[in-house]
Amino acid sequence: MTSSSAPSKKVLSKIASNRLQKELKEWQANPPAGFKQKFTDSLHRWIIEVVGAPGTLYANETYQLQVDFPEHYPMEAPQVIFLHPAPLHPHVYSNGHICLDILYDSWSPAMTVSSVCISILSMLSSSAVKQRPDDNDRYVKNCKNGRSPKETRWWFHDDKV
């Protein structure tokens, strides 16, 4: 699903709906540092503003994450992408897809939107270079027609970027 497509009309399970309402309430009371949730009229999709941490390559730069929740959240990971323009980062593709294991294979129902955001900010903050992944052009070309990053078979091999 691309940022320009309309949110799907999926129905969240009762568990997902209750969990997201709880997370939203906690977020509004105590948002993680460097993040601001922008109002959307749907529990299905959150738009979150990210501000690069001071003293990093991304200091004071602002980006937006789009978080789409599946019907069976939190048993299934949300889809998290950067909206255009995505930050220049070795694990962030120009189409906004993020190569981060907790969004895919290492997802746990104990994780929350806040913990995912903190992990993404940590990933950005630890980067020593501003560049696209080596296979960016090939990957983005293969993701035409709104292919979800969750359909990708990611290979997590570099945790020191």
N, C-alpha and C. Protein backbone atom coordinates (compact mmCIF):
# COMPACT_ATOMS: atom_id res chain seq x y z
N MET A 1 0.85 -1.18 0.00
CA MET A 1 0.00 0.00 0.00
C MET A 1 0.90 1.24 0.00
N THR A 2 0.68 2.12 -0.88
CA THR A 2 1.50 3.33 -0.94
C THR A 2 0.81 4.44 -0.16
N SER A 3 1.56 5.47 0.10
CA SER A 3 1.01 6.57 0.89
C SER A 3 -0.14 7.27 0.18
N SER A 4 -0.20 7.14 -1.13
CA SER A 4 -1.27 7.83 -1.85
C SER A 4 -2.54 7.00 -1.94
N SER A 5 -2.45 5.71 -1.61
CA SER A 5 -3.65 4.89 -1.71
C SER A 5 -4.54 5.09 -0.48
N ALA A 6 -5.81 4.88 -0.67
CA ALA A 6 -6.75 5.04 0.44
C ALA A 6 -6.56 3.91 1.43
N PRO A 7 -6.77 4.18 2.72
CA PRO A 7 -6.66 3.10 3.70
C PRO A 7 -7.67 2.01 3.34
N SER A 8 -7.26 0.77 3.54
CA SER A 8 -8.17 -0.32 3.21
C SER A 8 -9.31 -0.33 4.22
N LYS A 9 -10.37 -0.98 3.84
CA LYS A 9 -11.55 -1.02 4.70
C LYS A 9 -11.56 -2.26 5.57
N LYS A 10 -10.39 -2.78 5.89
CA LYS A 10 -10.31 -3.94 6.76
C LYS A 10 -10.92 -3.60 8.11
N VAL A 11 -11.37 -4.61 8.78
CA VAL A 11 -11.90 -4.43 10.13
C VAL A 11 -10.84 -4.95 11.09
N LEU A 12 -10.53 -4.14 12.10
CA LEU A 12 -9.60 -4.59 13.13
C LEU A 12 -10.34 -5.55 14.05
N SER A 13 -9.63 -6.56 14.51
CA SER A 13 -10.24 -7.46 15.49
C SER A 13 -10.49 -6.67 16.78
N LYS A 14 -11.33 -7.21 17.64
CA LYS A 14 -11.63 -6.54 18.91
C LYS A 14 -10.34 -6.38 19.71
N ILE A 15 -9.49 -7.41 19.70
CA ILE A 15 -8.22 -7.34 20.43
C ILE A 15 -7.36 -6.21 19.88
N ALA A 16 -7.25 -6.13 18.54
CA ALA A 16 -6.44 -5.08 17.91
C ALA A 16 -6.99 -3.70 18.24
N SER A 17 -8.30 -3.55 18.12
CA SER A 17 -8.93 -2.26 18.39
C SER A 17 -8.70 -1.83 19.85
N ASN A 18 -8.90 -2.72 20.78
CA ASN A 18 -8.68 -2.40 22.20
C ASN A 18 -7.22 -2.06 22.47
N ARG A 19 -6.32 -2.83 21.90
CA ARG A 19 -4.90 -2.61 22.11
C ARG A 19 -4.49 -1.25 21.54
N LEU A 20 -4.96 -0.91 20.33
CA LEU A 20 -4.59 0.36 19.71
C LEU A 20 -5.18 1.55 20.47
N GLN A 21 -6.39 1.41 20.97
CA GLN A 21 -6.97 2.50 21.77
C GLN A 21 -6.14 2.73 23.03
N LYS A 22 -5.69 1.64 23.64
CA LYS A 22 -4.85 1.75 24.83
C LYS A 22 -3.50 2.40 24.48
N GLU A 23 -2.87 1.95 23.38
CA GLU A 23 -1.59 2.52 22.97
C GLU A 23 -1.73 4.00 22.63
N LEU A 24 -2.82 4.36 21.95
CA LEU A 24 -3.05 5.75 21.58
C LEU A 24 -3.19 6.62 22.82
N LYS A 25 -3.93 6.14 23.80
CA LYS A 25 -4.12 6.89 25.05
C LYS A 25 -2.77 7.07 25.77
N GLU A 26 -1.98 6.00 25.84
CA GLU A 26 -0.65 6.08 26.47
C GLU A 26 0.25 7.03 25.69
N TRP A 27 0.19 6.97 24.35
CA TRP A 27 1.02 7.84 23.51
C TRP A 27 0.66 9.30 23.78
N GLN A 28 -0.64 9.60 23.81
CA GLN A 28 -1.07 10.98 24.01
C GLN A 28 -0.64 11.49 25.39
N ALA A 29 -0.61 10.61 26.38
CA ALA A 29 -0.20 11.01 27.73
C ALA A 29 1.32 11.14 27.83
N ASN A 30 2.05 10.31 27.10
CA ASN A 30 3.50 10.27 27.25
C ASN A 30 4.17 9.83 25.94
N PRO A 31 4.19 10.72 24.94
CA PRO A 31 4.80 10.32 23.65
C PRO A 31 6.31 10.13 23.79
N PRO A 32 6.89 9.20 23.02
CA PRO A 32 8.34 9.03 23.08
C PRO A 32 9.03 10.31 22.58
N ALA A 33 10.17 10.63 23.17
CA ALA A 33 10.91 11.85 22.81
C ALA A 33 11.28 11.83 21.33
N GLY A 34 11.03 12.94 20.64
CA GLY A 34 11.38 13.06 19.23
C GLY A 34 10.26 12.64 18.27
N PHE A 35 9.07 12.32 18.83
CA PHE A 35 7.96 11.86 17.99
C PHE A 35 6.69 12.62 18.29
N LYS A 36 5.89 12.79 17.23
CA LYS A 36 4.59 13.43 17.39
C LYS A 36 3.62 12.70 16.49
N GLN A 37 2.51 12.23 17.06
CA GLN A 37 1.51 11.56 16.25
C GLN A 37 0.62 12.63 15.64
N LYS A 38 0.42 12.53 14.33
CA LYS A 38 -0.45 13.48 13.65
C LYS A 38 -1.85 12.87 13.62
N PHE A 39 -2.84 13.68 13.77
CA PHE A 39 -4.20 13.18 13.86
C PHE A 39 -4.62 12.50 12.56
N THR A 40 -5.16 11.30 12.69
CA THR A 40 -5.84 10.64 11.57
C THR A 40 -7.16 10.17 12.13
N ASP A 41 -8.12 9.97 11.27
CA ASP A 41 -9.45 9.59 11.76
C ASP A 41 -9.61 8.07 11.79
N SER A 42 -8.51 7.37 11.81
CA SER A 42 -8.57 5.92 11.75
C SER A 42 -7.59 5.28 12.71
N LEU A 43 -8.02 4.24 13.38
CA LEU A 43 -7.09 3.47 14.21
C LEU A 43 -6.18 2.63 13.31
N HIS A 44 -6.63 2.36 12.07
CA HIS A 44 -5.88 1.51 11.13
C HIS A 44 -4.55 2.11 10.74
N ARG A 45 -4.49 3.43 10.62
CA ARG A 45 -3.30 4.09 10.08
C ARG A 45 -2.93 5.27 10.97
N TRP A 46 -1.68 5.25 11.43
CA TRP A 46 -1.16 6.40 12.17
C TRP A 46 -0.07 7.04 11.32
N ILE A 47 -0.01 8.36 11.36
CA ILE A 47 1.08 9.11 10.74
C ILE A 47 1.87 9.72 11.91
N ILE A 48 3.15 9.43 11.94
CA ILE A 48 3.98 9.86 13.07
C ILE A 48 5.15 10.68 12.55
N GLU A 49 5.32 11.84 13.13
CA GLU A 49 6.43 12.72 12.78
C GLU A 49 7.64 12.34 13.63
N VAL A 50 8.79 12.21 12.98
CA VAL A 50 10.04 11.85 13.63
C VAL A 50 11.02 13.00 13.46
N VAL A 51 11.64 13.42 14.55
CA VAL A 51 12.67 14.46 14.47
C VAL A 51 14.01 13.82 14.84
N GLY A 52 15.00 13.96 13.94
CA GLY A 52 16.32 13.39 14.18
C GLY A 52 16.91 13.86 15.50
N ALA A 53 17.56 12.93 16.18
CA ALA A 53 18.13 13.22 17.51
C ALA A 53 19.31 14.18 17.41
N PRO A 54 19.45 15.07 18.42
CA PRO A 54 20.59 16.00 18.44
C PRO A 54 21.91 15.23 18.42
N GLY A 55 22.90 15.78 17.74
CA GLY A 55 24.22 15.17 17.71
C GLY A 55 24.35 14.00 16.75
N THR A 56 23.33 13.77 15.91
CA THR A 56 23.41 12.69 14.92
C THR A 56 23.39 13.29 13.51
N LEU A 57 23.60 12.46 12.50
CA LEU A 57 23.55 12.93 11.11
C LEU A 57 22.17 13.50 10.75
N TYR A 58 21.15 13.11 11.50
CA TYR A 58 19.77 13.50 11.19
C TYR A 58 19.23 14.56 12.15
N ALA A 59 20.11 15.20 12.91
CA ALA A 59 19.70 16.19 13.91
C ALA A 59 18.77 17.23 13.29
N ASN A 60 17.63 17.44 13.93
CA ASN A 60 16.63 18.44 13.54
C ASN A 60 15.97 18.21 12.18
N GLU A 61 16.26 17.10 11.52
CA GLU A 61 15.56 16.77 10.28
C GLU A 61 14.23 16.10 10.66
N THR A 62 13.18 16.38 9.91
CA THR A 62 11.86 15.84 10.22
C THR A 62 11.41 14.90 9.11
N TYR A 63 10.92 13.75 9.51
CA TYR A 63 10.41 12.75 8.58
C TYR A 63 9.05 12.28 9.08
N GLN A 64 8.33 11.57 8.23
CA GLN A 64 7.04 11.03 8.65
C GLN A 64 7.00 9.54 8.42
N LEU A 65 6.52 8.83 9.43
CA LEU A 65 6.29 7.39 9.34
C LEU A 65 4.80 7.16 9.14
N GLN A 66 4.48 6.19 8.32
CA GLN A 66 3.10 5.75 8.17
C GLN A 66 3.04 4.35 8.76
N VAL A 67 2.16 4.17 9.74
CA VAL A 67 2.01 2.89 10.40
C VAL A 67 0.62 2.35 10.09
N ASP A 68 0.57 1.23 9.38
CA ASP A 68 -0.69 0.58 9.04
C ASP A 68 -0.82 -0.70 9.86
N PHE A 69 -1.93 -0.81 10.57
CA PHE A 69 -2.12 -1.94 11.47
C PHE A 69 -2.95 -3.04 10.82
N PRO A 70 -2.49 -4.29 10.93
CA PRO A 70 -3.23 -5.41 10.36
C PRO A 70 -4.40 -5.80 11.28
N GLU A 71 -5.31 -6.56 10.73
CA GLU A 71 -6.49 -7.00 11.47
C GLU A 71 -6.13 -7.67 12.80
N HIS A 72 -5.03 -8.43 12.80
CA HIS A 72 -4.68 -9.21 13.99
C HIS A 72 -3.51 -8.62 14.78
N TYR A 73 -3.32 -7.30 14.72
CA TYR A 73 -2.35 -6.64 15.58
C TYR A 73 -2.77 -6.91 17.03
N PRO A 74 -1.89 -7.15 17.96
CA PRO A 74 -0.43 -7.17 17.90
C PRO A 74 0.18 -8.54 17.60
N MET A 75 -0.65 -9.52 17.26
CA MET A 75 -0.08 -10.83 16.93
C MET A 75 0.69 -10.74 15.61
N GLU A 76 0.32 -9.78 14.79
CA GLU A 76 1.00 -9.55 13.51
C GLU A 76 1.57 -8.13 13.54
N ALA A 77 2.77 -7.97 13.00
CA ALA A 77 3.45 -6.66 13.00
C ALA A 77 2.71 -5.65 12.15
N PRO A 78 2.76 -4.37 12.54
CA PRO A 78 2.23 -3.34 11.66
C PRO A 78 3.18 -3.16 10.47
N GLN A 79 2.65 -2.56 9.40
CA GLN A 79 3.52 -2.18 8.28
C GLN A 79 3.97 -0.75 8.57
N VAL A 80 5.27 -0.53 8.61
CA VAL A 80 5.82 0.79 8.92
C VAL A 80 6.72 1.22 7.77
N ILE A 81 6.41 2.38 7.19
CA ILE A 81 7.24 2.92 6.11
C ILE A 81 7.44 4.42 6.34
N PHE A 82 8.49 4.95 5.76
CA PHE A 82 8.69 6.40 5.73
C PHE A 82 7.91 6.95 4.55
N LEU A 83 7.19 8.04 4.77
CA LEU A 83 6.56 8.75 3.65
C LEU A 83 7.65 9.55 2.95
N HIS A 84 7.41 9.90 1.68
CA HIS A 84 8.37 10.65 0.88
C HIS A 84 8.53 12.06 1.43
N PRO A 85 9.72 12.58 1.56
CA PRO A 85 11.00 11.96 1.24
C PRO A 85 11.54 11.14 2.44
N ALA A 86 11.97 9.93 2.17
CA ALA A 86 12.54 9.07 3.20
C ALA A 86 13.97 9.54 3.50
N PRO A 87 14.42 9.34 4.73
CA PRO A 87 15.81 9.73 5.05
C PRO A 87 16.81 8.90 4.25
N LEU A 88 17.95 9.53 3.94
CA LEU A 88 19.05 8.80 3.29
C LEU A 88 19.71 7.97 4.38
N HIS A 89 19.55 6.65 4.30
CA HIS A 89 20.08 5.75 5.33
C HIS A 89 20.33 4.39 4.70
N PRO A 90 21.39 3.69 5.12
CA PRO A 90 21.71 2.39 4.53
C PRO A 90 20.63 1.32 4.70
N HIS A 91 19.66 1.54 5.59
CA HIS A 91 18.59 0.56 5.78
C HIS A 91 17.22 1.11 5.41
N VAL A 92 17.20 2.26 4.72
CA VAL A 92 15.93 2.85 4.31
C VAL A 92 15.96 3.05 2.79
N TYR A 93 15.02 2.39 2.12
CA TYR A 93 14.95 2.49 0.66
C TYR A 93 14.24 3.78 0.26
N SER A 94 14.50 4.23 -0.97
CA SER A 94 13.93 5.50 -1.42
C SER A 94 12.40 5.47 -1.49
N ASN A 95 11.80 4.28 -1.52
CA ASN A 95 10.34 4.17 -1.49
C ASN A 95 9.79 4.16 -0.07
N GLY A 96 10.68 4.33 0.93
CA GLY A 96 10.25 4.41 2.33
C GLY A 96 10.31 3.10 3.08
N HIS A 97 10.55 1.99 2.39
CA HIS A 97 10.61 0.70 3.07
C HIS A 97 11.84 0.66 3.99
N ILE A 98 11.66 0.04 5.14
CA ILE A 98 12.69 0.03 6.17
C ILE A 98 13.14 -1.42 6.41
N CYS A 99 14.43 -1.64 6.33
CA CYS A 99 14.99 -2.97 6.61
C CYS A 99 15.37 -3.01 8.09
N LEU A 100 14.44 -3.45 8.92
CA LEU A 100 14.64 -3.52 10.37
C LEU A 100 13.93 -4.77 10.86
N ASP A 101 14.68 -5.69 11.46
CA ASP A 101 14.14 -7.01 11.78
C ASP A 101 12.88 -7.01 12.65
N ILE A 102 12.73 -6.05 13.55
CA ILE A 102 11.54 -6.07 14.43
C ILE A 102 10.25 -5.79 13.67
N LEU A 103 10.36 -5.27 12.46
CA LEU A 103 9.16 -5.02 11.65
C LEU A 103 8.71 -6.28 10.91
N TYR A 104 9.52 -7.31 10.97
CA TYR A 104 9.24 -8.52 10.20
C TYR A 104 9.47 -9.76 11.09
N ASP A 105 10.58 -10.45 10.89
CA ASP A 105 10.85 -11.73 11.56
C ASP A 105 10.94 -11.64 13.08
N SER A 106 11.45 -10.54 13.60
CA SER A 106 11.66 -10.45 15.04
C SER A 106 10.55 -9.70 15.77
N TRP A 107 9.41 -9.51 15.12
CA TRP A 107 8.28 -8.85 15.77
C TRP A 107 7.80 -9.67 16.95
N SER A 108 7.39 -8.99 18.01
CA SER A 108 6.80 -9.64 19.18
C SER A 108 5.55 -8.87 19.57
N PRO A 109 4.47 -9.56 19.98
CA PRO A 109 3.25 -8.87 20.40
C PRO A 109 3.47 -7.96 21.62
N ALA A 110 4.59 -8.14 22.30
CA ALA A 110 4.90 -7.27 23.44
C ALA A 110 5.35 -5.88 22.98
N MET A 111 5.73 -5.75 21.72
CA MET A 111 6.18 -4.46 21.19
C MET A 111 4.98 -3.54 20.99
N THR A 112 5.27 -2.25 21.01
CA THR A 112 4.23 -1.23 20.83
C THR A 112 4.68 -0.27 19.73
N VAL A 113 3.79 0.62 19.35
CA VAL A 113 4.16 1.65 18.38
C VAL A 113 5.33 2.46 18.94
N SER A 114 5.27 2.79 20.22
CA SER A 114 6.35 3.57 20.84
C SER A 114 7.69 2.84 20.76
N SER A 115 7.70 1.55 21.07
CA SER A 115 8.97 0.81 21.03
C SER A 115 9.50 0.70 19.61
N VAL A 116 8.61 0.56 18.63
CA VAL A 116 9.03 0.52 17.23
C VAL A 116 9.63 1.87 16.83
N CYS A 117 8.97 2.96 17.21
CA CYS A 117 9.48 4.30 16.88
C CYS A 117 10.86 4.52 17.49
N ILE A 118 11.04 4.12 18.74
CA ILE A 118 12.33 4.29 19.40
C ILE A 118 13.41 3.48 18.69
N SER A 119 13.06 2.28 18.23
CA SER A 119 14.03 1.46 17.49
C SER A 119 14.41 2.11 16.16
N ILE A 120 13.43 2.70 15.49
CA ILE A 120 13.71 3.38 14.21
C ILE A 120 14.60 4.60 14.45
N LEU A 121 14.31 5.37 15.48
CA LEU A 121 15.14 6.53 15.78
C LEU A 121 16.56 6.09 16.16
N SER A 122 16.67 5.01 16.89
CA SER A 122 17.98 4.47 17.26
C SER A 122 18.75 4.04 16.01
N MET A 123 18.06 3.40 15.07
CA MET A 123 18.68 2.99 13.82
C MET A 123 19.21 4.21 13.07
N LEU A 124 18.38 5.26 12.98
CA LEU A 124 18.83 6.49 12.32
C LEU A 124 20.03 7.10 13.05
N SER A 125 19.91 7.16 14.38
CA SER A 125 20.93 7.84 15.19
C SER A 125 22.28 7.16 15.12
N SER A 126 22.29 5.85 14.93
CA SER A 126 23.57 5.12 14.95
C SER A 126 24.27 5.12 13.60
N SER A 127 23.63 5.66 12.57
CA SER A 127 24.23 5.65 11.24
C SER A 127 25.41 6.61 11.14
N ALA A 128 26.47 6.13 10.49
CA ALA A 128 27.66 6.95 10.29
C ALA A 128 27.68 7.59 8.90
N VAL A 129 26.78 7.14 8.03
CA VAL A 129 26.75 7.66 6.66
C VAL A 129 25.31 7.89 6.22
N LYS A 130 25.14 8.88 5.35
CA LYS A 130 23.83 9.13 4.73
C LYS A 130 23.91 8.61 3.31
N GLN A 131 23.37 7.42 3.11
CA GLN A 131 23.35 6.84 1.77
C GLN A 131 22.24 5.81 1.70
N ARG A 132 21.82 5.51 0.48
CA ARG A 132 20.80 4.48 0.24
C ARG A 132 21.45 3.10 0.33
N PRO A 133 20.61 2.08 0.56
CA PRO A 133 21.14 0.70 0.51
C PRO A 133 21.74 0.43 -0.87
N ASP A 134 22.74 -0.45 -0.92
CA ASP A 134 23.42 -0.76 -2.18
C ASP A 134 22.46 -1.22 -3.27
N ASP A 135 21.42 -1.97 -2.87
CA ASP A 135 20.49 -2.52 -3.86
C ASP A 135 19.22 -1.68 -4.00
N ASN A 136 19.28 -0.39 -3.64
CA ASN A 136 18.09 0.45 -3.64
C ASN A 136 17.34 0.44 -4.98
N ASP A 137 18.03 0.72 -6.07
CA ASP A 137 17.34 0.85 -7.36
C ASP A 137 16.65 -0.44 -7.77
N ARG A 138 17.33 -1.57 -7.61
CA ARG A 138 16.75 -2.87 -7.98
C ARG A 138 15.54 -3.16 -7.09
N TYR A 139 15.69 -2.95 -5.78
CA TYR A 139 14.60 -3.24 -4.84
C TYR A 139 13.36 -2.38 -5.15
N VAL A 140 13.57 -1.08 -5.31
CA VAL A 140 12.45 -0.17 -5.56
C VAL A 140 11.75 -0.53 -6.87
N LYS A 141 12.54 -0.87 -7.89
CA LYS A 141 11.95 -1.27 -9.17
C LYS A 141 11.07 -2.52 -9.00
N ASN A 142 11.50 -3.43 -8.15
CA ASN A 142 10.74 -4.66 -7.91
C ASN A 142 9.52 -4.45 -7.01
N CYS A 143 9.40 -3.28 -6.40
CA CYS A 143 8.28 -2.99 -5.50
C CYS A 143 7.18 -2.18 -6.16
N LYS A 144 7.19 -2.10 -7.46
CA LYS A 144 6.14 -1.34 -8.16
C LYS A 144 4.77 -1.91 -7.83
N ASN A 145 3.75 -1.17 -8.13
CA ASN A 145 2.36 -1.57 -7.91
C ASN A 145 2.00 -1.70 -6.43
N GLY A 146 2.66 -0.90 -5.61
CA GLY A 146 2.26 -0.82 -4.21
C GLY A 146 2.59 -2.04 -3.37
N ARG A 147 3.61 -2.79 -3.75
CA ARG A 147 3.96 -3.97 -2.99
C ARG A 147 4.36 -3.60 -1.57
N SER A 148 3.87 -4.35 -0.61
CA SER A 148 4.16 -4.11 0.80
C SER A 148 5.57 -4.58 1.15
N PRO A 149 6.25 -3.86 2.05
CA PRO A 149 7.56 -4.35 2.49
C PRO A 149 7.44 -5.69 3.22
N LYS A 150 6.24 -6.01 3.71
CA LYS A 150 6.05 -7.28 4.42
C LYS A 150 6.07 -8.45 3.44
N GLU A 151 6.02 -8.17 2.14
CA GLU A 151 6.11 -9.23 1.13
C GLU A 151 7.56 -9.51 0.74
N THR A 152 8.48 -8.76 1.29
CA THR A 152 9.90 -8.90 0.98
C THR A 152 10.52 -9.96 1.88
N ARG A 153 11.41 -10.76 1.30
CA ARG A 153 12.19 -11.70 2.12
C ARG A 153 13.47 -10.96 2.49
N TRP A 154 13.46 -10.31 3.65
CA TRP A 154 14.59 -9.50 4.08
C TRP A 154 15.74 -10.38 4.52
N TRP A 155 16.93 -9.87 4.34
CA TRP A 155 18.14 -10.55 4.77
C TRP A 155 18.82 -9.59 5.74
N PHE A 156 18.73 -9.91 7.04
CA PHE A 156 19.29 -9.02 8.07
C PHE A 156 20.71 -9.45 8.36
N HIS A 157 21.65 -8.67 7.84
CA HIS A 157 23.04 -9.08 7.94
C HIS A 157 23.95 -8.00 8.52
N ASP A 158 23.43 -6.81 8.69
CA ASP A 158 24.28 -5.70 9.10
C ASP A 158 23.62 -4.91 10.20
N ASP A 159 24.06 -5.11 11.44
CA ASP A 159 23.46 -4.36 12.54
C ASP A 159 24.38 -3.26 13.03
N LYS A 160 25.42 -2.93 12.25
CA LYS A 160 26.37 -1.91 12.69
C LYS A 160 26.41 -0.74 11.75
N VAL A 161 25.26 -0.22 11.33
CA VAL A 161 25.25 0.90 10.39
C VAL A 161 25.16 2.20 11.16
